[in-house]
């Protein structure tokens, strides 16, 4: 099963600048982990990849999604779809 965390995102000029927990969310009760809060830094990382690559060569989102689906299904016991 998955986990859910209610988050609020503060934005300035249409760009997210701060992430915090939503105090009205019944599961998280206003808590946000350091990982949630730090995830915003990934948006502004100059070394962040601008395209999908496979073994150093440019690839497509469709190939990436197919690969993730294959790997994800292989991790689920008894699932051979």
PDB file of N, CA and C in Angstrom:
ATOM      1  N   UNK A   1       0.830  -1.184   0.000  1.00  0.00           N
ATOM      2  CA  UNK A   1       0.000   0.000   0.000  1.00  0.00           C
ATOM      3  C   UNK A   1       0.871   1.243   0.000  1.00  0.00           C
ATOM      4  N   UNK A   2       0.326   2.312  -0.514  1.00  0.00           N
ATOM      5  CA  UNK A   2       1.055   3.567  -0.597  1.00  0.00           C
ATOM      6  C   UNK A   2       0.862   4.417   0.642  1.00  0.00           C
ATOM      7  N   UNK A   3       1.584   5.475   0.680  1.00  0.00           N
ATOM      8  CA  UNK A   3       1.482   6.437   1.770  1.00  0.00           C
ATOM      9  C   UNK A   3       1.077   7.784   1.188  1.00  0.00           C
ATOM     10  N   UNK A   4       0.344   8.536   1.967  1.00  0.00           N
ATOM     11  CA  UNK A   4      -0.134   9.836   1.524  1.00  0.00           C
ATOM     12  C   UNK A   4       0.309  10.895   2.516  1.00  0.00           C
ATOM     13  N   UNK A   5       0.745  12.030   2.001  1.00  0.00           N
ATOM     14  CA  UNK A   5       1.102  13.155   2.838  1.00  0.00           C
ATOM     15  C   UNK A   5       0.454  14.399   2.259  1.00  0.00           C
ATOM     16  N   UNK A   6      -0.359  15.057   3.051  1.00  0.00           N
ATOM     17  CA  UNK A   6      -0.983  16.301   2.610  1.00  0.00           C
ATOM     18  C   UNK A   6       0.033  17.425   2.682  1.00  0.00           C
ATOM     19  N   UNK A   7       0.249  18.101   1.555  1.00  0.00           N
ATOM     20  CA  UNK A   7       1.250  19.165   1.509  1.00  0.00           C
ATOM     21  C   UNK A   7       0.642  20.461   1.004  1.00  0.00           C
ATOM     22  N   UNK A   8       1.203  21.569   1.446  1.00  0.00           N
ATOM     23  CA  UNK A   8       0.867  22.892   0.927  1.00  0.00           C
ATOM     24  C   UNK A   8       2.127  23.437   0.277  1.00  0.00           C
ATOM     25  N   UNK A   9       1.953  24.046  -0.888  1.00  0.00           N
ATOM     26  CA  UNK A   9       3.098  24.603  -1.612  1.00  0.00           C
ATOM     27  C   UNK A   9       2.902  26.102  -1.763  1.00  0.00           C
ATOM     28  N   UNK A  10       3.880  26.856  -1.305  1.00  0.00           N
ATOM     29  CA  UNK A  10       3.862  28.313  -1.457  1.00  0.00           C
ATOM     30  C   UNK A  10       4.589  28.654  -2.753  1.00  0.00           C
ATOM     31  N   UNK A  11       3.999  29.546  -3.541  1.00  0.00           N
ATOM     32  CA  UNK A  11       4.612  29.919  -4.818  1.00  0.00           C
ATOM     33  C   UNK A  11       4.711  31.432  -4.933  1.00  0.00           C
ATOM     34  N   UNK A  12       5.750  31.871  -5.630  1.00  0.00           N
ATOM     35  CA  UNK A  12       5.945  33.282  -5.935  1.00  0.00           C
ATOM     36  C   UNK A  12       6.204  33.388  -7.431  1.00  0.00           C
ATOM     37  N   UNK A  13       5.478  34.277  -8.087  1.00  0.00           N
ATOM     38  CA  UNK A  13       5.587  34.437  -9.539  1.00  0.00           C
ATOM     39  C   UNK A  13       5.378  33.112 -10.266  1.00  0.00           C
ATOM     40  N   UNK A  14       4.470  32.283  -9.740  1.00  0.00           N
ATOM     41  CA  UNK A  14       4.149  31.019 -10.381  1.00  0.00           C
ATOM     42  C   UNK A  14       5.160  29.911 -10.177  1.00  0.00           C
ATOM     43  N   UNK A  15       6.173  30.139  -9.344  1.00  0.00           N
ATOM     44  CA  UNK A  15       7.193  29.118  -9.101  1.00  0.00           C
ATOM     45  C   UNK A  15       7.143  28.680  -7.647  1.00  0.00           C
ATOM     46  N   UNK A  16       7.095  27.376  -7.400  1.00  0.00           N
ATOM     47  CA  UNK A  16       7.070  26.898  -6.014  1.00  0.00           C
ATOM     48  C   UNK A  16       8.338  27.290  -5.273  1.00  0.00           C
ATOM     49  N   UNK A  17       8.151  27.776  -4.028  1.00  0.00           N
ATOM     50  CA  UNK A  17       9.306  28.207  -3.243  1.00  0.00           C
ATOM     51  C   UNK A  17       9.385  27.555  -1.867  1.00  0.00           C
ATOM     52  N   UNK A  18       8.273  26.998  -1.394  1.00  0.00           N
ATOM     53  CA  UNK A  18       8.278  26.391  -0.055  1.00  0.00           C
ATOM     54  C   UNK A  18       7.239  25.278   0.000  1.00  0.00           C
ATOM     55  N   UNK A  19       7.594  24.182   0.652  1.00  0.00           N
ATOM     56  CA  UNK A  19       6.681  23.058   0.855  1.00  0.00           C
ATOM     57  C   UNK A  19       6.559  22.826   2.346  1.00  0.00           C
ATOM     58  N   UNK A  20       5.323  22.691   2.814  1.00  0.00           N
ATOM     59  CA  UNK A  20       5.083  22.377   4.222  1.00  0.00           C
ATOM     60  C   UNK A  20       3.878  21.461   4.330  1.00  0.00           C
ATOM     61  N   UNK A  21       3.702  20.863   5.494  1.00  0.00           N
ATOM     62  CA  UNK A  21       2.583  19.961   5.705  1.00  0.00           C
ATOM     63  C   UNK A  21       1.264  20.697   5.806  1.00  0.00           C
ATOM     64  N   UNK A  22       0.194  20.023   5.388  1.00  0.00           N
ATOM     65  CA  UNK A  22      -1.148  20.580   5.474  1.00  0.00           C
ATOM     66  C   UNK A  22      -1.752  20.201   6.828  1.00  0.00           C
ATOM     67  N   UNK A  23      -2.003  21.172   7.699  1.00  0.00           N
ATOM     68  CA  UNK A  23      -2.533  20.855   9.029  1.00  0.00           C
ATOM     69  C   UNK A  23      -3.942  20.265   8.994  1.00  0.00           C
ATOM     70  N   UNK A  24      -4.657  20.424   7.882  1.00  0.00           N
ATOM     71  CA  UNK A  24      -6.012  19.883   7.766  1.00  0.00           C
ATOM     72  C   UNK A  24      -6.039  18.461   7.213  1.00  0.00           C
ATOM     73  N   UNK A  25      -4.905  17.918   6.837  1.00  0.00           N
ATOM     74  CA  UNK A  25      -4.869  16.566   6.270  1.00  0.00           C
ATOM     75  C   UNK A  25      -4.926  15.540   7.406  1.00  0.00           C
ATOM     76  N   UNK A  26      -5.858  14.573   7.335  1.00  0.00           N
ATOM     77  CA  UNK A  26      -6.033  13.621   8.442  1.00  0.00           C
ATOM     78  C   UNK A  26      -4.856  12.663   8.653  1.00  0.00           C
ATOM     79  N   UNK A  27      -4.075  12.391   7.623  1.00  0.00           N
ATOM     80  CA  UNK A  27      -2.956  11.458   7.772  1.00  0.00           C
ATOM     81  C   UNK A  27      -1.703  12.156   8.294  1.00  0.00           C
ATOM     82  N   UNK A  28      -1.316  13.259   7.660  1.00  0.00           N
ATOM     83  CA  UNK A  28      -0.047  13.895   8.022  1.00  0.00           C
ATOM     84  C   UNK A  28      -0.180  14.910   9.155  1.00  0.00           C
ATOM     85  N   UNK A  29      -1.386  15.432   9.363  1.00  0.00           N
ATOM     86  CA  UNK A  29      -1.643  16.384  10.448  1.00  0.00           C
ATOM     87  C   UNK A  29      -0.668  17.564  10.460  1.00  0.00           C
ATOM     88  N   UNK A  30      -0.282  18.015   9.271  1.00  0.00           N
ATOM     89  CA  UNK A  30       0.595  19.181   9.181  1.00  0.00           C
ATOM     90  C   UNK A  30       2.067  18.868   9.157  1.00  0.00           C
ATOM     91  N   UNK A  31       2.428  17.594   9.197  1.00  0.00           N
ATOM     92  CA  UNK A  31       3.850  17.233   9.184  1.00  0.00           C
ATOM     93  C   UNK A  31       4.334  17.065   7.752  1.00  0.00           C
ATOM     94  N   UNK A  32       5.530  17.527   7.492  1.00  0.00           N
ATOM     95  CA  UNK A  32       6.211  17.296   6.220  1.00  0.00           C
ATOM     96  C   UNK A  32       7.643  16.914   6.556  1.00  0.00           C
ATOM     97  N   UNK A  33       8.118  15.865   5.937  1.00  0.00           N
ATOM     98  CA  UNK A  33       9.485  15.416   6.231  1.00  0.00           C
ATOM     99  C   UNK A  33      10.505  16.362   5.618  1.00  0.00           C
ATOM    100  N   UNK A  34      11.729  16.202   6.045  1.00  0.00           N
ATOM    101  CA  UNK A  34      12.815  16.987   5.464  1.00  0.00           C
ATOM    102  C   UNK A  34      12.956  16.664   3.980  1.00  0.00           C
ATOM    103  N   UNK A  35      12.687  15.428   3.600  1.00  0.00           N
ATOM    104  CA  UNK A  35      12.757  15.042   2.186  1.00  0.00           C
ATOM    105  C   UNK A  35      11.690  15.766   1.373  1.00  0.00           C
ATOM    106  N   UNK A  36      10.470  15.881   1.937  1.00  0.00           N
ATOM    107  CA  UNK A  36       9.415  16.635   1.245  1.00  0.00           C
ATOM    108  C   UNK A  36       9.855  18.084   1.042  1.00  0.00           C
ATOM    109  N   UNK A  37      10.337  18.682   2.099  1.00  0.00           N
ATOM    110  CA  UNK A  37      10.723  20.084   2.036  1.00  0.00           C
ATOM    111  C   UNK A  37      11.904  20.302   1.097  1.00  0.00           C
ATOM    112  N   UNK A  38      12.850  19.391   1.097  1.00  0.00           N
ATOM    113  CA  UNK A  38      14.036  19.539   0.251  1.00  0.00           C
ATOM    114  C   UNK A  38      13.757  19.204  -1.210  1.00  0.00           C
ATOM    115  N   UNK A  39      12.663  18.514  -1.484  1.00  0.00           N
ATOM    116  CA  UNK A  39      12.376  18.119  -2.864  1.00  0.00           C
ATOM    117  C   UNK A  39      12.243  19.319  -3.793  1.00  0.00           C
ATOM    118  N   UNK A  40      11.893  20.457  -3.247  1.00  0.00           N
ATOM    119  CA  UNK A  40      11.766  21.662  -4.072  1.00  0.00           C
ATOM    120  C   UNK A  40      13.107  22.073  -4.675  1.00  0.00           C
ATOM    121  N   UNK A  41      14.193  21.715  -4.022  1.00  0.00           N
ATOM    122  CA  UNK A  41      15.525  22.065  -4.526  1.00  0.00           C
ATOM    123  C   UNK A  41      15.812  21.377  -5.858  1.00  0.00           C
ATOM    124  N   UNK A  42      15.203  20.209  -6.097  1.00  0.00           N
ATOM    125  CA  UNK A  42      15.400  19.497  -7.358  1.00  0.00           C
ATOM    126  C   UNK A  42      14.886  20.294  -8.552  1.00  0.00           C
ATOM    127  N   UNK A  43      13.904  21.157  -8.311  1.00  0.00           N
ATOM    128  CA  UNK A  43      13.350  21.952  -9.406  1.00  0.00           C
ATOM    129  C   UNK A  43      14.351  22.960  -9.944  1.00  0.00           C
ATOM    130  N   UNK A  44      15.252  23.381  -9.092  1.00  0.00           N
ATOM    131  CA  UNK A  44      16.183  24.441  -9.457  1.00  0.00           C
ATOM    132  C   UNK A  44      17.624  23.956  -9.579  1.00  0.00           C
ATOM    133  N   UNK A  45      17.830  22.656  -9.630  1.00  0.00           N
ATOM    134  CA  UNK A  45      19.160  22.082  -9.730  1.00  0.00           C
ATOM    135  C   UNK A  45      19.687  22.269 -11.155  1.00  0.00           C
ATOM    136  N   UNK A  46      20.796  23.003 -11.332  1.00  0.00           N
ATOM    137  CA  UNK A  46      21.305  23.239 -12.686  1.00  0.00           C
ATOM    138  C   UNK A  46      21.806  21.962 -13.371  1.00  0.00           C
ATOM    139  N   UNK A  47      22.092  20.922 -12.593  1.00  0.00           N
ATOM    140  CA  UNK A  47      22.564  19.668 -13.165  1.00  0.00           C
ATOM    141  C   UNK A  47      21.427  18.689 -13.466  1.00  0.00           C
ATOM    142  N   UNK A  48      20.192  19.123 -13.218  1.00  0.00           N
ATOM    143  CA  UNK A  48      19.026  18.279 -13.470  1.00  0.00           C
ATOM    144  C   UNK A  48      18.931  17.988 -14.964  1.00  0.00           C
ATOM    145  N   UNK A  49      18.671  16.758 -15.294  1.00  0.00           N
ATOM    146  CA  UNK A  49      18.578  16.360 -16.689  1.00  0.00           C
ATOM    147  C   UNK A  49      17.383  17.023 -17.364  1.00  0.00           C
ATOM    148  N   UNK A  50      17.606  17.537 -18.561  1.00  0.00           N
ATOM    149  CA  UNK A  50      16.535  18.192 -19.316  1.00  0.00           C
ATOM    150  C   UNK A  50      15.869  17.233 -20.295  1.00  0.00           C
ATOM    151  N   UNK A  51      16.420  16.021 -20.429  1.00  0.00           N
ATOM    152  CA  UNK A  51      15.845  15.048 -21.352  1.00  0.00           C
ATOM    153  C   UNK A  51      16.064  13.640 -20.812  1.00  0.00           C
ATOM    154  N   UNK A  52      15.350  12.691 -21.380  1.00  0.00           N
ATOM    155  CA  UNK A  52      15.465  11.291 -20.980  1.00  0.00           C
ATOM    156  C   UNK A  52      16.651  10.677 -21.715  1.00  0.00           C
ATOM    157  N   UNK A  53      17.493   9.975 -20.967  1.00  0.00           N
ATOM    158  CA  UNK A  53      18.628   9.297 -21.592  1.00  0.00           C
ATOM    159  C   UNK A  53      18.656   7.836 -21.186  1.00  0.00           C
ATOM    160  N   UNK A  54      19.244   7.026 -22.053  1.00  0.00           N
ATOM    161  CA  UNK A  54      19.434   5.607 -21.764  1.00  0.00           C
ATOM    162  C   UNK A  54      20.867   5.258 -22.137  1.00  0.00           C
ATOM    163  N   UNK A  55      21.655   4.893 -21.147  1.00  0.00           N
ATOM    164  CA  UNK A  55      23.077   4.576 -21.340  1.00  0.00           C
ATOM    165  C   UNK A  55      23.806   5.715 -22.058  1.00  0.00           C
ATOM    166  N   UNK A  56      23.468   6.951 -21.684  1.00  0.00           N
ATOM    167  CA  UNK A  56      24.141   8.119 -22.235  1.00  0.00           C
ATOM    168  C   UNK A  56      23.570   8.661 -23.530  1.00  0.00           C
ATOM    169  N   UNK A  57      22.680   7.912 -24.166  1.00  0.00           N
ATOM    170  CA  UNK A  57      22.076   8.359 -25.424  1.00  0.00           C
ATOM    171  C   UNK A  57      20.659   8.872 -25.161  1.00  0.00           C
ATOM    172  N   UNK A  58      20.245   9.867 -25.936  1.00  0.00           N
ATOM    173  CA  UNK A  58      18.900  10.411 -25.772  1.00  0.00           C
ATOM    174  C   UNK A  58      17.861   9.330 -26.083  1.00  0.00           C
ATOM    175  N   UNK A  59      16.798   9.298 -25.275  1.00  0.00           N
ATOM    176  CA  UNK A  59      15.732   8.311 -25.430  1.00  0.00           C
ATOM    177  C   UNK A  59      14.388   9.027 -25.384  1.00  0.00           C
ATOM    178  N   UNK A  60      13.294   8.264 -25.184  1.00  0.00           N
ATOM    179  CA  UNK A  60      11.946   8.850 -25.142  1.00  0.00           C
ATOM    180  C   UNK A  60      11.269   8.545 -23.818  1.00  0.00           C
ATOM    181  N   UNK A  61      10.266   9.356 -23.488  1.00  0.00           N
ATOM    182  CA  UNK A  61       9.483   9.111 -22.275  1.00  0.00           C
ATOM    183  C   UNK A  61       8.740   7.785 -22.379  1.00  0.00           C
ATOM    184  N   UNK A  62       8.278   7.425 -23.577  1.00  0.00           N
ATOM    185  CA  UNK A  62       7.546   6.171 -23.750  1.00  0.00           C
ATOM    186  C   UNK A  62       8.420   4.971 -23.385  1.00  0.00           C
ATOM    187  N   UNK A  63       9.674   4.970 -23.827  1.00  0.00           N
ATOM    188  CA  UNK A  63      10.586   3.875 -23.477  1.00  0.00           C
ATOM    189  C   UNK A  63      10.845   3.847 -21.976  1.00  0.00           C
ATOM    190  N   UNK A  64      11.014   5.026 -21.385  1.00  0.00           N
ATOM    191  CA  UNK A  64      11.248   5.110 -19.946  1.00  0.00           C
ATOM    192  C   UNK A  64      10.057   4.557 -19.166  1.00  0.00           C
ATOM    193  N   UNK A  65       8.844   4.968 -19.542  1.00  0.00           N
ATOM    194  CA  UNK A  65       7.633   4.500 -18.854  1.00  0.00           C
ATOM    195  C   UNK A  65       7.456   2.995 -19.004  1.00  0.00           C
ATOM    196  N   UNK A  66       7.744   2.454 -20.190  1.00  0.00           N
ATOM    197  CA  UNK A  66       7.640   1.005 -20.394  1.00  0.00           C
ATOM    198  C   UNK A  66       8.635   0.266 -19.505  1.00  0.00           C
ATOM    199  N   UNK A  67       9.853   0.795 -19.394  1.00  0.00           N
ATOM    200  CA  UNK A  67      10.865   0.174 -18.542  1.00  0.00           C
ATOM    201  C   UNK A  67      10.444   0.195 -17.072  1.00  0.00           C
ATOM    202  N   UNK A  68       9.966   1.351 -16.603  1.00  0.00           N
ATOM    203  CA  UNK A  68       9.537   1.468 -15.207  1.00  0.00           C
ATOM    204  C   UNK A  68       8.386   0.505 -14.923  1.00  0.00           C
ATOM    205  N   UNK A  69       7.460   0.387 -15.842  1.00  0.00           N
ATOM    206  CA  UNK A  69       6.335  -0.543 -15.655  1.00  0.00           C
ATOM    207  C   UNK A  69       6.840  -1.975 -15.557  1.00  0.00           C
ATOM    208  N   UNK A  70       7.763  -2.359 -16.431  1.00  0.00           N
ATOM    209  CA  UNK A  70       8.318  -3.711 -16.414  1.00  0.00           C
ATOM    210  C   UNK A  70       9.017  -4.002 -15.090  1.00  0.00           C
ATOM    211  N   UNK A  71       9.848  -3.078 -14.650  1.00  0.00           N
ATOM    212  CA  UNK A  71      10.589  -3.260 -13.395  1.00  0.00           C
ATOM    213  C   UNK A  71       9.631  -3.291 -12.208  1.00  0.00           C
ATOM    214  N   UNK A  72       8.641  -2.406 -12.205  1.00  0.00           N
ATOM    215  CA  UNK A  72       7.678  -2.346 -11.104  1.00  0.00           C
ATOM    216  C   UNK A  72       6.880  -3.635 -10.997  1.00  0.00           C
ATOM    217  N   UNK A  73       6.420  -4.148 -12.128  1.00  0.00           N
ATOM    218  CA  UNK A  73       5.645  -5.390 -12.107  1.00  0.00           C
ATOM    219  C   UNK A  73       6.497  -6.570 -11.664  1.00  0.00           C
ATOM    220  N   UNK A  74       7.767  -6.551 -12.009  1.00  0.00           N
ATOM    221  CA  UNK A  74       8.666  -7.644 -11.603  1.00  0.00           C
ATOM    222  C   UNK A  74       8.865  -7.655 -10.088  1.00  0.00           C
ATOM    223  N   UNK A  75       8.646  -6.514  -9.440  1.00  0.00           N
ATOM    224  CA  UNK A  75       8.837  -6.429  -7.997  1.00  0.00           C
ATOM    225  C   UNK A  75       7.618  -6.893  -7.213  1.00  0.00           C
ATOM    226  N   UNK A  76       6.463  -7.033  -7.887  1.00  0.00           N
ATOM    227  CA  UNK A  76       5.224  -7.437  -7.228  1.00  0.00           C
ATOM    228  C   UNK A  76       5.104  -8.956  -7.281  1.00  0.00           C
ATOM    229  N   UNK A  77       5.119  -9.626  -6.129  1.00  0.00           N
ATOM    230  CA  UNK A  77       5.021 -11.081  -6.117  1.00  0.00           C
ATOM    231  C   UNK A  77       3.711 -11.564  -6.738  1.00  0.00           C
ATOM    232  N   UNK A  78       3.806 -12.557  -7.604  1.00  0.00           N
ATOM    233  CA  UNK A  78       2.620 -13.153  -8.201  1.00  0.00           C
ATOM    234  C   UNK A  78       2.027 -12.358  -9.344  1.00  0.00           C
ATOM    235  N   UNK A  79       2.657 -11.276  -9.734  1.00  0.00           N
ATOM    236  CA  UNK A  79       2.144 -10.443 -10.828  1.00  0.00           C
ATOM    237  C   UNK A  79       2.962 -10.717 -12.068  1.00  0.00           C
ATOM    238  N   UNK A  80       2.318 -11.260 -13.112  1.00  0.00           N
ATOM    239  CA  UNK A  80       3.052 -11.552 -14.340  1.00  0.00           C
ATOM    240  C   UNK A  80       2.385 -10.892 -15.537  1.00  0.00           C
ATOM    241  N   UNK A  81       1.786  -9.715 -15.316  1.00  0.00           N
ATOM    242  CA  UNK A  81       1.134  -8.985 -16.415  1.00  0.00           C
ATOM    243  C   UNK A  81       2.128  -8.139 -17.157  1.00  0.00           C
TER     244      UNK A  81
END
